[in-house]
Amino acid sequence: MKHQGDLKEELRKLRQENLRLADENQRILRQRDETTRIFRDLFDKTPHIAVQGYSRQRKLIYWNRYCEELYGYSKDEVLGQTWEELFIPEEMRQSAAKKIDTWVEQGDIMPAIEVVRRHKDGSQVPVYSQHVLVHAGHGGKEIYCLDIDLRELKRSEDLLEKTLILSVTDPLTGLYNRGYYNQTVVNEMHRAHRDGKVLVYAMLDLDYFKKYNDTYGHLKGDELLIRLATLLKNHLARAGDYVFRMGGEEFLVLYAIDDPTDVPLMMNNLLMAIEDMNIDHRKNQPYGRVTSSAGVYLHRPEENLSADDLYSRADRALYAAKAQGRNCCVFFHEMTTV
């Protein structure tokens, strides 16, 4: 009888322990659910971060409010879809899904990366994306993806890039401006000296441009400057070639070269191309069309001159070209009186 009593007491204790464990399990589950609720509520109120949760099978189980704003889909539209159906182009889905599955199985850390997602309307959405693996209850696994919205950052970067471009270019022609020339010329002189190259420093000036403006109007004058700028960019398109609008109708070409033998031919071809645009300019006689004059200084690596020296010498050569009847190129080194 005593043995039976002991067994009953043990069974009673076991039942009590089971009840206690069941209560503890329920408490833990409630606590987990409350923690999950708090975190999801936090995620819902987090600005600029889109949070998605996926099951082990990559099906969407959570979609915070900012996801709706960032990607254009409501929660009802996407729940149950897979990650790859939502974000990955069809031809890449199989490999992307395999990559996620491998990551989940191996438990490796997936690095955060900057990617471009697809909005509902088809537009691109730049985000900084981090996947996190979470061990859920009953041994399951869930995947959470945090996408930081980079749209404002990208807009700011684009604006900064445009601002930088505007700060170094002439707004009418799109060529580099005089401010950028001041930043560049000394560096290019040092580079040519270091590399043992000749720096070609050429000034070009449209002949009788003021008369052109007076005859045809300033709008036509602006059109002429734009066409000339396009021609210069097309003729001087190598890396290291610089074309500047120095002001008004004055342009400056700067580039380094190993052998300057062909520079006269290049300059003559350039002046011929300008004349061959065949733009009427009846006040530019005897040519009757738009022409240009040029003055060139060839700065050799053994010389020790300043940027102002180069400008002055090229300018004097340009003045000599004007004095010789315009529509020609004069090299400073060939002038009889310097």
C-alpha atoms as a PDB file:
ATOM      1  CA  MET A   1       0.000   0.000   0.000  1.00  0.00           C
ATOM      2  CA  LYS A   2       2.839   2.321   0.866  1.00  0.00           C
ATOM      3  CA  HIS A   3       4.417   1.594  -2.523  1.00  0.00           C
ATOM      4  CA  GLN A   4       1.175   2.506  -4.304  1.00  0.00           C
ATOM      5  CA  GLY A   5       0.967   5.710  -2.309  1.00  0.00           C
ATOM      6  CA  ASP A   6       4.464   6.629  -3.323  1.00  0.00           C
ATOM      7  CA  LEU A   7       3.619   6.059  -6.977  1.00  0.00           C
ATOM      8  CA  LYS A   8       0.535   8.237  -6.720  1.00  0.00           C
ATOM      9  CA  GLU A   9       2.581  10.980  -5.114  1.00  0.00           C
ATOM     10  CA  GLU A  10       5.172  10.749  -7.891  1.00  0.00           C
ATOM     11  CA  LEU A  11       2.455  10.896 -10.533  1.00  0.00           C
ATOM     12  CA  ARG A  12       0.923  13.907  -8.818  1.00  0.00           C
ATOM     13  CA  LYS A  13       4.285  15.652  -8.809  1.00  0.00           C
ATOM     14  CA  LEU A  14       4.839  14.790 -12.459  1.00  0.00           C
ATOM     15  CA  ARG A  15       1.423  16.195 -13.378  1.00  0.00           C
ATOM     16  CA  GLN A  16       2.201  19.356 -11.451  1.00  0.00           C
ATOM     17  CA  GLU A  17       5.576  19.639 -13.160  1.00  0.00           C
ATOM     18  CA  ASN A  18       3.960  19.104 -16.560  1.00  0.00           C
ATOM     19  CA  LEU A  19       1.415  21.798 -15.789  1.00  0.00           C
ATOM     20  CA  ARG A  20       4.184  24.101 -14.611  1.00  0.00           C
ATOM     21  CA  LEU A  21       6.218  23.416 -17.760  1.00  0.00           C
ATOM     22  CA  ALA A  22       3.136  23.937 -19.938  1.00  0.00           C
ATOM     23  CA  ASP A  23       2.449  27.231 -18.175  1.00  0.00           C
ATOM     24  CA  GLU A  24       6.091  28.228 -18.571  1.00  0.00           C
ATOM     25  CA  ASN A  25       5.992  27.304 -22.248  1.00  0.00           C
ATOM     26  CA  GLN A  26       2.851  29.376 -22.729  1.00  0.00           C
ATOM     27  CA  ARG A  27       4.480  32.273 -20.897  1.00  0.00           C
ATOM     28  CA  ILE A  28       7.561  32.015 -23.136  1.00  0.00           C
ATOM     29  CA  LEU A  29       5.368  31.856 -26.233  1.00  0.00           C
ATOM     30  CA  ARG A  30       3.366  34.874 -25.071  1.00  0.00           C
ATOM     31  CA  GLN A  31       6.600  36.689 -24.350  1.00  0.00           C
ATOM     32  CA  ARG A  32       7.958  35.751 -27.756  1.00  0.00           C
ATOM     33  CA  ASP A  33       4.734  36.835 -29.429  1.00  0.00           C
ATOM     34  CA  GLU A  34       4.816  40.120 -27.512  1.00  0.00           C
ATOM     35  CA  THR A  35       8.458  40.649 -28.454  1.00  0.00           C
ATOM     36  CA  THR A  36       7.619  39.864 -32.075  1.00  0.00           C
ATOM     37  CA  ARG A  37       4.680  42.266 -31.912  1.00  0.00           C
ATOM     38  CA  ILE A  38       6.867  45.014 -30.444  1.00  0.00           C
ATOM     39  CA  PHE A  39       9.569  44.545 -33.044  1.00  0.00           C
ATOM     40  CA  ARG A  40       7.101  44.396 -35.907  1.00  0.00           C
ATOM     41  CA  ASP A  41       5.382  47.490 -34.571  1.00  0.00           C
ATOM     42  CA  LEU A  42       8.800  49.135 -34.401  1.00  0.00           C
ATOM     43  CA  PHE A  43       9.572  48.038 -37.952  1.00  0.00           C
ATOM     44  CA  ASP A  44       6.228  49.394 -39.123  1.00  0.00           C
ATOM     45  CA  LYS A  45       7.076  52.814 -37.711  1.00  0.00           C
ATOM     46  CA  THR A  46      10.688  52.875 -38.922  1.00  0.00           C
ATOM     47  CA  PRO A  47      11.135  55.435 -41.731  1.00  0.00           C
ATOM     48  CA  HIS A  48      13.334  54.826 -44.776  1.00  0.00           C
ATOM     49  CA  ILE A  49      13.881  51.112 -43.987  1.00  0.00           C
ATOM     50  CA  ALA A  50      11.778  48.515 -45.794  1.00  0.00           C
ATOM     51  CA  VAL A  51      11.585  45.268 -43.800  1.00  0.00           C
ATOM     52  CA  GLN A  52      10.361  42.017 -45.292  1.00  0.00           C
ATOM     53  CA  GLY A  53      10.045  38.632 -43.623  1.00  0.00           C
ATOM     54  CA  TYR A  54      10.138  35.332 -45.495  1.00  0.00           C
ATOM     55  CA  SER A  55       9.490  31.737 -44.542  1.00  0.00           C
ATOM     56  CA  ARG A  56      12.051  29.012 -45.074  1.00  0.00           C
ATOM     57  CA  GLN A  57      10.433  28.505 -48.492  1.00  0.00           C
ATOM     58  CA  ARG A  58      11.121  32.206 -49.279  1.00  0.00           C
ATOM     59  CA  LYS A  59       7.407  33.101 -49.141  1.00  0.00           C
ATOM     60  CA  LEU A  60       6.596  36.544 -47.842  1.00  0.00           C
ATOM     61  CA  ILE A  61       5.163  36.553 -44.299  1.00  0.00           C
ATOM     62  CA  TYR A  62       5.891  40.145 -43.264  1.00  0.00           C
ATOM     63  CA  TRP A  63       5.823  43.455 -45.138  1.00  0.00           C
ATOM     64  CA  ASN A  64       6.225  46.668 -43.181  1.00  0.00           C
ATOM     65  CA  ARG A  65       4.585  49.979 -44.028  1.00  0.00           C
ATOM     66  CA  TYR A  66       7.654  51.489 -45.606  1.00  0.00           C
ATOM     67  CA  CYS A  67       7.799  48.578 -48.062  1.00  0.00           C
ATOM     68  CA  GLU A  68       4.468  49.810 -49.400  1.00  0.00           C
ATOM     69  CA  GLU A  69       5.890  53.300 -49.929  1.00  0.00           C
ATOM     70  CA  LEU A  70       9.249  52.127 -51.304  1.00  0.00           C
ATOM     71  CA  TYR A  71       8.023  49.421 -53.668  1.00  0.00           C
ATOM     72  CA  GLY A  72       4.397  50.409 -54.344  1.00  0.00           C
ATOM     73  CA  TYR A  73       2.803  47.097 -53.303  1.00  0.00           C
ATOM     74  CA  SER A  74       0.289  46.777 -50.479  1.00  0.00           C
ATOM     75  CA  LYS A  75       0.720  43.966 -47.962  1.00  0.00           C
ATOM     76  CA  ASP A  76      -2.284  42.091 -49.404  1.00  0.00           C
ATOM     77  CA  GLU A  77      -0.738  42.137 -52.868  1.00  0.00           C
ATOM     78  CA  VAL A  78       2.505  40.476 -51.861  1.00  0.00           C
ATOM     79  CA  LEU A  79       1.899  38.140 -48.912  1.00  0.00           C
ATOM     80  CA  GLY A  80       2.503  34.577 -50.053  1.00  0.00           C
ATOM     81  CA  GLN A  81       4.697  35.523 -52.985  1.00  0.00           C
ATOM     82  CA  THR A  82       8.281  34.360 -53.014  1.00  0.00           C
ATOM     83  CA  TRP A  83      11.217  36.728 -52.689  1.00  0.00           C
ATOM     84  CA  GLU A  84      12.421  36.033 -56.216  1.00  0.00           C
ATOM     85  CA  GLU A  85       8.951  36.494 -57.769  1.00  0.00           C
ATOM     86  CA  LEU A  86       8.766  39.932 -56.212  1.00  0.00           C
ATOM     87  CA  PHE A  87      12.232  41.307 -56.887  1.00  0.00           C
ATOM     88  CA  ILE A  88      14.249  39.180 -59.298  1.00  0.00           C
ATOM     89  CA  PRO A  89      13.965  39.229 -63.134  1.00  0.00           C
ATOM     90  CA  GLU A  90      12.494  35.978 -64.397  1.00  0.00           C
ATOM     91  CA  GLU A  91      15.674  34.791 -66.127  1.00  0.00           C
ATOM     92  CA  MET A  92      17.640  35.109 -62.842  1.00  0.00           C
ATOM     93  CA  ARG A  93      15.112  33.687 -60.366  1.00  0.00           C
ATOM     94  CA  GLN A  94      16.340  30.093 -60.286  1.00  0.00           C
ATOM     95  CA  SER A  95      19.933  30.984 -59.509  1.00  0.00           C
ATOM     96  CA  ALA A  96      18.884  33.637 -56.969  1.00  0.00           C
ATOM     97  CA  ALA A  97      16.611  31.172 -55.144  1.00  0.00           C
ATOM     98  CA  LYS A  98      19.386  28.586 -55.064  1.00  0.00           C
ATOM     99  CA  LYS A  99      21.746  31.147 -53.575  1.00  0.00           C
ATOM    100  CA  ILE A 100      19.279  31.967 -50.786  1.00  0.00           C
ATOM    101  CA  ASP A 101      18.646  28.268 -50.066  1.00  0.00           C
ATOM    102  CA  THR A 102      22.357  27.562 -49.813  1.00  0.00           C
ATOM    103  CA  TRP A 103      22.816  30.501 -47.481  1.00  0.00           C
ATOM    104  CA  VAL A 104      19.990  29.312 -45.206  1.00  0.00           C
ATOM    105  CA  GLU A 105      21.292  25.740 -45.081  1.00  0.00           C
ATOM    106  CA  GLN A 106      24.889  26.696 -44.366  1.00  0.00           C
ATOM    107  CA  GLY A 107      24.046  29.544 -42.029  1.00  0.00           C
ATOM    108  CA  ASP A 108      26.729  31.762 -43.518  1.00  0.00           C
ATOM    109  CA  ILE A 109      26.571  35.524 -43.148  1.00  0.00           C
ATOM    110  CA  MET A 110      25.194  37.124 -46.285  1.00  0.00           C
ATOM    111  CA  PRO A 111      27.055  40.413 -46.862  1.00  0.00           C
ATOM    112  CA  ALA A 112      25.096  43.645 -47.087  1.00  0.00           C
ATOM    113  CA  ILE A 113      25.148  45.026 -50.611  1.00  0.00           C
ATOM    114  CA  GLU A 114      23.890  47.985 -52.578  1.00  0.00           C
ATOM    115  CA  VAL A 115      21.329  46.773 -55.116  1.00  0.00           C
ATOM    116  CA  VAL A 116      18.584  48.112 -57.337  1.00  0.00           C
ATOM    117  CA  ARG A 117      15.107  46.711 -56.693  1.00  0.00           C
ATOM    118  CA  ARG A 118      12.081  46.974 -58.962  1.00  0.00           C
ATOM    119  CA  HIS A 119       9.091  49.173 -58.070  1.00  0.00           C
ATOM    120  CA  LYS A 120       5.554  48.132 -58.928  1.00  0.00           C
ATOM    121  CA  ASP A 121       5.499  50.723 -61.715  1.00  0.00           C
ATOM    122  CA  GLY A 122       8.692  49.267 -63.203  1.00  0.00           C
ATOM    123  CA  SER A 123      11.014  52.035 -62.025  1.00  0.00           C
ATOM    124  CA  GLN A 124      14.290  51.298 -60.271  1.00  0.00           C
ATOM    125  CA  VAL A 125      14.716  51.659 -56.509  1.00  0.00           C
ATOM    126  CA  PRO A 126      18.298  51.812 -55.138  1.00  0.00           C
ATOM    127  CA  VAL A 127      18.648  50.261 -51.670  1.00  0.00           C
ATOM    128  CA  TYR A 128      21.308  49.031 -49.274  1.00  0.00           C
ATOM    129  CA  SER A 129      20.135  45.505 -48.495  1.00  0.00           C
ATOM    130  CA  GLN A 130      20.942  43.157 -45.597  1.00  0.00           C
ATOM    131  CA  HIS A 131      19.499  39.655 -45.126  1.00  0.00           C
ATOM    132  CA  VAL A 132      19.266  38.216 -41.606  1.00  0.00           C
ATOM    133  CA  LEU A 133      18.515  34.595 -40.693  1.00  0.00           C
ATOM    134  CA  VAL A 134      16.265  34.172 -37.648  1.00  0.00           C
ATOM    135  CA  HIS A 135      15.687  30.884 -35.827  1.00  0.00           C
ATOM    136  CA  ALA A 136      11.964  30.768 -35.130  1.00  0.00           C
ATOM    137  CA  GLY A 137      10.055  28.443 -32.810  1.00  0.00           C
ATOM    138  CA  HIS A 138       9.905  24.660 -33.325  1.00  0.00           C
ATOM    139  CA  GLY A 139      13.283  24.675 -35.049  1.00  0.00           C
ATOM    140  CA  GLY A 140      12.090  26.675 -38.033  1.00  0.00           C
ATOM    141  CA  LYS A 141      13.956  29.420 -39.833  1.00  0.00           C
ATOM    142  CA  GLU A 142      12.795  32.768 -41.124  1.00  0.00           C
ATOM    143  CA  ILE A 143      14.594  35.259 -43.357  1.00  0.00           C
ATOM    144  CA  TYR A 144      14.338  38.972 -42.778  1.00  0.00           C
ATOM    145  CA  CYS A 145      15.528  41.509 -45.295  1.00  0.00           C
ATOM    146  CA  LEU A 146      16.219  45.122 -44.356  1.00  0.00           C
ATOM    147  CA  ASP A 147      16.389  47.507 -47.319  1.00  0.00           C
ATOM    148  CA  ILE A 148      17.620  51.034 -46.577  1.00  0.00           C
ATOM    149  CA  ASP A 149      16.175  53.541 -49.019  1.00  0.00           C
ATOM    150  CA  LEU A 150      18.969  55.223 -51.006  1.00  0.00           C
ATOM    151  CA  ARG A 151      16.819  57.352 -53.296  1.00  0.00           C
ATOM    152  CA  GLU A 152      17.489  60.648 -51.524  1.00  0.00           C
ATOM    153  CA  LEU A 153      21.189  59.828 -51.309  1.00  0.00           C
ATOM    154  CA  LYS A 154      21.312  59.049 -55.032  1.00  0.00           C
ATOM    155  CA  ARG A 155      19.418  62.244 -55.838  1.00  0.00           C
ATOM    156  CA  SER A 156      21.888  64.188 -53.720  1.00  0.00           C
ATOM    157  CA  GLU A 157      24.818  62.469 -55.463  1.00  0.00           C
ATOM    158  CA  ASP A 158      23.309  63.240 -58.876  1.00  0.00           C
ATOM    159  CA  LEU A 159      22.741  66.857 -57.870  1.00  0.00           C
ATOM    160  CA  LEU A 160      26.305  67.115 -56.568  1.00  0.00           C
ATOM    161  CA  GLU A 161      27.659  65.636 -59.791  1.00  0.00           C
ATOM    162  CA  LYS A 162      25.595  68.063 -61.872  1.00  0.00           C
ATOM    163  CA  THR A 163      26.731  70.942 -59.673  1.00  0.00           C
ATOM    164  CA  LEU A 164      30.352  69.910 -60.110  1.00  0.00           C
ATOM    165  CA  ILE A 165      29.887  69.657 -63.872  1.00  0.00           C
ATOM    166  CA  LEU A 166      28.253  73.089 -63.972  1.00  0.00           C
ATOM    167  CA  SER A 167      31.081  74.539 -61.907  1.00  0.00           C
ATOM    168  CA  VAL A 168      33.711  73.525 -64.481  1.00  0.00           C
ATOM    169  CA  THR A 169      31.808  73.904 -67.754  1.00  0.00           C
ATOM    170  CA  ASP A 170      30.603  76.792 -69.849  1.00  0.00           C
ATOM    171  CA  PRO A 171      26.772  76.796 -69.754  1.00  0.00           C
ATOM    172  CA  LEU A 172      26.380  77.753 -73.420  1.00  0.00           C
ATOM    173  CA  THR A 173      28.819  75.387 -75.140  1.00  0.00           C
ATOM    174  CA  GLY A 174      29.375  72.637 -72.562  1.00  0.00           C
ATOM    175  CA  LEU A 175      33.140  73.072 -72.920  1.00  0.00           C
ATOM    176  CA  TYR A 176      35.395  73.472 -69.903  1.00  0.00           C
ATOM    177  CA  ASN A 177      35.331  77.034 -68.595  1.00  0.00           C
ATOM    178  CA  ARG A 178      38.124  79.411 -67.663  1.00  0.00           C
ATOM    179  CA  GLY A 179      37.843  78.484 -63.996  1.00  0.00           C
ATOM    180  CA  TYR A 180      38.594  74.866 -64.830  1.00  0.00           C
ATOM    181  CA  TYR A 181      41.441  75.991 -67.079  1.00  0.00           C
ATOM    182  CA  ASN A 182      42.982  77.733 -64.061  1.00  0.00           C
ATOM    183  CA  GLN A 183      42.691  74.479 -62.081  1.00  0.00           C
ATOM    184  CA  THR A 184      44.097  72.317 -64.886  1.00  0.00           C
ATOM    185  CA  VAL A 185      46.837  74.099 -66.788  1.00  0.00           C
ATOM    186  CA  VAL A 186      49.614  73.915 -64.174  1.00  0.00           C
ATOM    187  CA  ASN A 187      48.923  70.220 -63.508  1.00  0.00           C
ATOM    188  CA  GLU A 188      49.097  69.469 -67.228  1.00  0.00           C
ATOM    189  CA  MET A 189      52.355  71.421 -67.521  1.00  0.00           C
ATOM    190  CA  HIS A 190      53.855  69.363 -64.695  1.00  0.00           C
ATOM    191  CA  ARG A 191      52.543  66.125 -66.187  1.00  0.00           C
ATOM    192  CA  ALA A 192      54.025  66.880 -69.616  1.00  0.00           C
ATOM    193  CA  HIS A 193      57.350  67.840 -68.020  1.00  0.00           C
ATOM    194  CA  ARG A 194      57.425  64.639 -65.960  1.00  0.00           C
ATOM    195  CA  ASP A 195      56.563  62.471 -68.991  1.00  0.00           C
ATOM    196  CA  GLY A 196      59.028  64.277 -71.288  1.00  0.00           C
ATOM    197  CA  LYS A 197      56.274  65.424 -73.651  1.00  0.00           C
ATOM    198  CA  VAL A 198      55.573  68.619 -75.559  1.00  0.00           C
ATOM    199  CA  LEU A 199      52.489  70.503 -74.364  1.00  0.00           C
ATOM    200  CA  VAL A 200      50.503  71.952 -77.252  1.00  0.00           C
ATOM    201  CA  TYR A 201      48.964  75.252 -76.167  1.00  0.00           C
ATOM    202  CA  ALA A 202      46.710  76.648 -78.909  1.00  0.00           C
ATOM    203  CA  MET A 203      44.406  79.674 -78.833  1.00  0.00           C
ATOM    204  CA  LEU A 204      41.592  79.993 -81.370  1.00  0.00           C
ATOM    205  CA  ASP A 205      39.466  83.044 -82.054  1.00  0.00           C
ATOM    206  CA  LEU A 206      36.535  83.421 -84.445  1.00  0.00           C
ATOM    207  CA  ASP A 207      37.288  86.066 -87.052  1.00  0.00           C
ATOM    208  CA  TYR A 208      35.181  89.236 -86.814  1.00  0.00           C
ATOM    209  CA  PHE A 209      32.777  87.613 -84.343  1.00  0.00           C
ATOM    210  CA  LYS A 210      31.470  90.999 -83.166  1.00  0.00           C
ATOM    211  CA  LYS A 211      30.540  91.860 -86.749  1.00  0.00           C
ATOM    212  CA  TYR A 212      28.811  88.469 -86.998  1.00  0.00           C
ATOM    213  CA  ASN A 213      26.705  89.270 -83.920  1.00  0.00           C
ATOM    214  CA  ASP A 214      25.916  92.751 -85.225  1.00  0.00           C
ATOM    215  CA  THR A 215      24.884  91.362 -88.618  1.00  0.00           C
ATOM    216  CA  TYR A 216      22.982  88.195 -87.712  1.00  0.00           C
ATOM    217  CA  GLY A 217      21.995  88.794 -84.072  1.00  0.00           C
ATOM    218  CA  HIS A 218      23.174  87.387 -80.769  1.00  0.00           C
ATOM    219  CA  LEU A 219      21.020  84.242 -80.973  1.00  0.00           C
ATOM    220  CA  LYS A 220      22.773  83.301 -84.201  1.00  0.00           C
ATOM    221  CA  GLY A 221      26.050  84.167 -82.516  1.00  0.00           C
ATOM    222  CA  ASP A 222      25.264  81.721 -79.709  1.00  0.00           C
ATOM    223  CA  GLU A 223      24.338  79.040 -82.249  1.00  0.00           C
ATOM    224  CA  LEU A 224      27.690  79.583 -83.971  1.00  0.00           C
ATOM    225  CA  LEU A 225      29.591  79.193 -80.690  1.00  0.00           C
ATOM    226  CA  ILE A 226      27.725  75.951 -79.937  1.00  0.00           C
ATOM    227  CA  ARG A 227      28.481  74.542 -83.393  1.00  0.00           C
ATOM    228  CA  LEU A 228      32.144  75.482 -83.075  1.00  0.00           C
ATOM    229  CA  ALA A 229      32.320  73.858 -79.635  1.00  0.00           C
ATOM    230  CA  THR A 230      30.839  70.637 -81.041  1.00  0.00           C
ATOM    231  CA  LEU A 231      33.382  70.638 -83.867  1.00  0.00           C
ATOM    232  CA  LEU A 232      36.279  71.167 -81.453  1.00  0.00           C
ATOM    233  CA  LYS A 233      35.067  68.360 -79.163  1.00  0.00           C
ATOM    234  CA  ASN A 234      34.780  66.001 -82.128  1.00  0.00           C
ATOM    235  CA  HIS A 235      38.291  66.828 -83.360  1.00  0.00           C
ATOM    236  CA  LEU A 236      39.884  66.684 -79.912  1.00  0.00           C
ATOM    237  CA  ALA A 237      38.268  63.663 -78.320  1.00  0.00           C
ATOM    238  CA  ARG A 238      41.263  61.707 -77.005  1.00  0.00           C
ATOM    239  CA  ALA A 239      41.835  61.186 -73.305  1.00  0.00           C
ATOM    240  CA  GLY A 240      44.014  64.059 -72.178  1.00  0.00           C
ATOM    241  CA  ASP A 241      42.692  66.518 -74.785  1.00  0.00           C
ATOM    242  CA  TYR A 242      41.267  69.684 -73.256  1.00  0.00           C
ATOM    243  CA  VAL A 243      39.139  72.331 -74.944  1.00  0.00           C
ATOM    244  CA  PHE A 244      38.239  75.455 -72.977  1.00  0.00           C
ATOM    245  CA  ARG A 245      36.004  78.401 -73.748  1.00  0.00           C
ATOM    246  CA  MET A 246      38.059  81.229 -72.305  1.00  0.00           C
ATOM    247  CA  GLY A 247      35.391  83.869 -72.913  1.00  0.00           C
ATOM    248  CA  GLY A 248      33.458  85.351 -75.803  1.00  0.00           C
ATOM    249  CA  GLU A 249      34.726  83.846 -79.059  1.00  0.00           C
ATOM    250  CA  GLU A 250      38.085  82.778 -77.621  1.00  0.00           C
ATOM    251  CA  PHE A 251      38.876  79.075 -77.193  1.00  0.00           C
ATOM    252  CA  LEU A 252      41.954  77.269 -75.943  1.00  0.00           C
ATOM    253  CA  VAL A 253      43.197  73.778 -76.801  1.00  0.00           C
ATOM    254  CA  LEU A 254      45.609  71.938 -74.538  1.00  0.00           C
ATOM    255  CA  TYR A 255      47.158  68.508 -74.963  1.00  0.00           C
ATOM    256  CA  ALA A 256      50.478  66.697 -74.576  1.00  0.00           C
ATOM    257  CA  ILE A 257      52.241  64.903 -77.415  1.00  0.00           C
ATOM    258  CA  ASP A 258      55.472  62.968 -77.913  1.00  0.00           C
ATOM    259  CA  ASP A 259      56.332  64.411 -81.326  1.00  0.00           C
ATOM    260  CA  PRO A 260      54.962  67.828 -82.371  1.00  0.00           C
ATOM    261  CA  THR A 261      55.779  67.328 -86.053  1.00  0.00           C
ATOM    262  CA  ASP A 262      52.130  66.814 -87.022  1.00  0.00           C
ATOM    263  CA  VAL A 263      50.719  69.695 -84.957  1.00  0.00           C
ATOM    264  CA  PRO A 264      50.805  72.216 -87.884  1.00  0.00           C
ATOM    265  CA  LEU A 265      48.831  69.794 -90.056  1.00  0.00           C
ATOM    266  CA  MET A 266      46.346  69.160 -87.257  1.00  0.00           C
ATOM    267  CA  MET A 267      45.815  72.898 -86.713  1.00  0.00           C
ATOM    268  CA  ASN A 268      45.369  73.573 -90.420  1.00  0.00           C
ATOM    269  CA  ASN A 269      42.856  70.724 -90.671  1.00  0.00           C
ATOM    270  CA  LEU A 270      40.993  72.206 -87.727  1.00  0.00           C
ATOM    271  CA  LEU A 271      40.796  75.665 -89.325  1.00  0.00           C
ATOM    272  CA  MET A 272      39.691  74.093 -92.617  1.00  0.00           C
ATOM    273  CA  ALA A 273      36.945  72.162 -90.807  1.00  0.00           C
ATOM    274  CA  ILE A 274      35.689  75.428 -89.303  1.00  0.00           C
ATOM    275  CA  GLU A 275      35.624  77.086 -92.721  1.00  0.00           C
ATOM    276  CA  ASP A 276      33.992  73.983 -94.210  1.00  0.00           C
ATOM    277  CA  MET A 277      30.997  74.426 -91.892  1.00  0.00           C
ATOM    278  CA  ASN A 278      30.154  76.969 -94.618  1.00  0.00           C
ATOM    279  CA  ILE A 279      28.322  79.362 -92.327  1.00  0.00           C
ATOM    280  CA  ASP A 280      27.583  82.663 -94.029  1.00  0.00           C
ATOM    281  CA  HIS A 281      29.512  85.690 -92.676  1.00  0.00           C
ATOM    282  CA  ARG A 282      29.435  88.429 -95.284  1.00  0.00           C
ATOM    283  CA  LYS A 283      31.373  90.864 -93.072  1.00  0.00           C
ATOM    284  CA  ASN A 284      34.334  88.474 -92.934  1.00  0.00           C
ATOM    285  CA  GLN A 285      36.045  89.371 -96.189  1.00  0.00           C
ATOM    286  CA  PRO A 286      37.569  88.058 -98.373  1.00  0.00           C
ATOM    287  CA  TYR A 287      36.127  84.697 -97.216  1.00  0.00           C
ATOM    288  CA  GLY A 288      32.439  85.517 -96.867  1.00  0.00           C
ATOM    289  CA  ARG A 289      31.918  82.746 -94.342  1.00  0.00           C
ATOM    290  CA  VAL A 290      32.913  81.917 -90.772  1.00  0.00           C
ATOM    291  CA  THR A 291      36.627  81.363 -90.236  1.00  0.00           C
ATOM    292  CA  SER A 292      38.971  81.248 -87.281  1.00  0.00           C
ATOM    293  CA  SER A 293      42.547  82.234 -86.499  1.00  0.00           C
ATOM    294  CA  ALA A 294      44.930  80.382 -84.192  1.00  0.00           C
ATOM    295  CA  GLY A 295      48.124  81.013 -82.258  1.00  0.00           C
ATOM    296  CA  VAL A 296      50.159  78.107 -80.909  1.00  0.00           C
ATOM    297  CA  TYR A 297      52.956  77.741 -78.402  1.00  0.00           C
ATOM    298  CA  LEU A 298      54.745  74.391 -78.105  1.00  0.00           C
ATOM    299  CA  HIS A 299      55.969  74.093 -74.536  1.00  0.00           C
ATOM    300  CA  ARG A 300      58.904  71.695 -74.390  1.00  0.00           C
ATOM    301  CA  PRO A 301      59.766  69.719 -71.263  1.00  0.00           C
ATOM    302  CA  GLU A 302      63.172  71.398 -70.839  1.00  0.00           C
ATOM    303  CA  GLU A 303      61.579  74.867 -70.617  1.00  0.00           C
ATOM    304  CA  ASN A 304      60.787  76.516 -67.292  1.00  0.00           C
ATOM    305  CA  LEU A 305      57.844  78.793 -68.052  1.00  0.00           C
ATOM    306  CA  SER A 306      54.699  79.759 -66.165  1.00  0.00           C
ATOM    307  CA  ALA A 307      51.114  79.299 -67.345  1.00  0.00           C
ATOM    308  CA  ASP A 308      50.938  83.051 -67.886  1.00  0.00           C
ATOM    309  CA  ASP A 309      54.003  82.806 -70.143  1.00  0.00           C
ATOM    310  CA  LEU A 310      52.266  80.200 -72.292  1.00  0.00           C
ATOM    311  CA  TYR A 311      49.112  82.285 -72.513  1.00  0.00           C
ATOM    312  CA  SER A 312      51.054  85.411 -73.459  1.00  0.00           C
ATOM    313  CA  ARG A 313      53.055  83.668 -76.183  1.00  0.00           C
ATOM    314  CA  ALA A 314      50.070  81.898 -77.719  1.00  0.00           C
ATOM    315  CA  ASP A 315      48.143  85.177 -77.600  1.00  0.00           C
ATOM    316  CA  ARG A 316      50.961  86.989 -79.441  1.00  0.00           C
ATOM    317  CA  ALA A 317      50.968  84.244 -82.083  1.00  0.00           C
ATOM    318  CA  LEU A 318      47.177  84.604 -82.419  1.00  0.00           C
ATOM    319  CA  TYR A 319      47.561  88.370 -82.862  1.00  0.00           C
ATOM    320  CA  ALA A 320      50.129  87.689 -85.590  1.00  0.00           C
ATOM    321  CA  ALA A 321      47.667  85.358 -87.341  1.00  0.00           C
ATOM    322  CA  LYS A 322      45.071  88.129 -87.317  1.00  0.00           C
ATOM    323  CA  ALA A 323      47.644  90.542 -88.739  1.00  0.00           C
ATOM    324  CA  GLN A 324      48.451  88.115 -91.565  1.00  0.00           C
ATOM    325  CA  GLY A 325      44.876  88.212 -92.846  1.00  0.00           C
ATOM    326  CA  ARG A 326      43.093  85.805 -90.477  1.00  0.00           C
ATOM    327  CA  ASN A 327      41.945  82.238 -91.224  1.00  0.00           C
ATOM    328  CA  CYS A 328      45.444  80.936 -90.521  1.00  0.00           C
ATOM    329  CA  CYS A 329      47.593  79.522 -87.717  1.00  0.00           C
ATOM    330  CA  VAL A 330      50.847  81.024 -86.450  1.00  0.00           C
ATOM    331  CA  PHE A 331      53.328  79.202 -84.233  1.00  0.00           C
ATOM    332  CA  PHE A 332      55.176  81.404 -81.751  1.00  0.00           C
ATOM    333  CA  HIS A 333      58.512  79.682 -82.490  1.00  0.00           C
ATOM    334  CA  GLU A 334      58.222  80.640 -86.193  1.00  0.00           C
ATOM    335  CA  MET A 335      57.615  84.326 -85.590  1.00  0.00           C
ATOM    336  CA  THR A 336      60.541  86.438 -86.836  1.00  0.00           C
ATOM    337  CA  THR A 337      60.070  88.978 -84.026  1.00  0.00           C
ATOM    338  CA  VAL A 338      59.149  87.661 -80.597  1.00  0.00           C
END
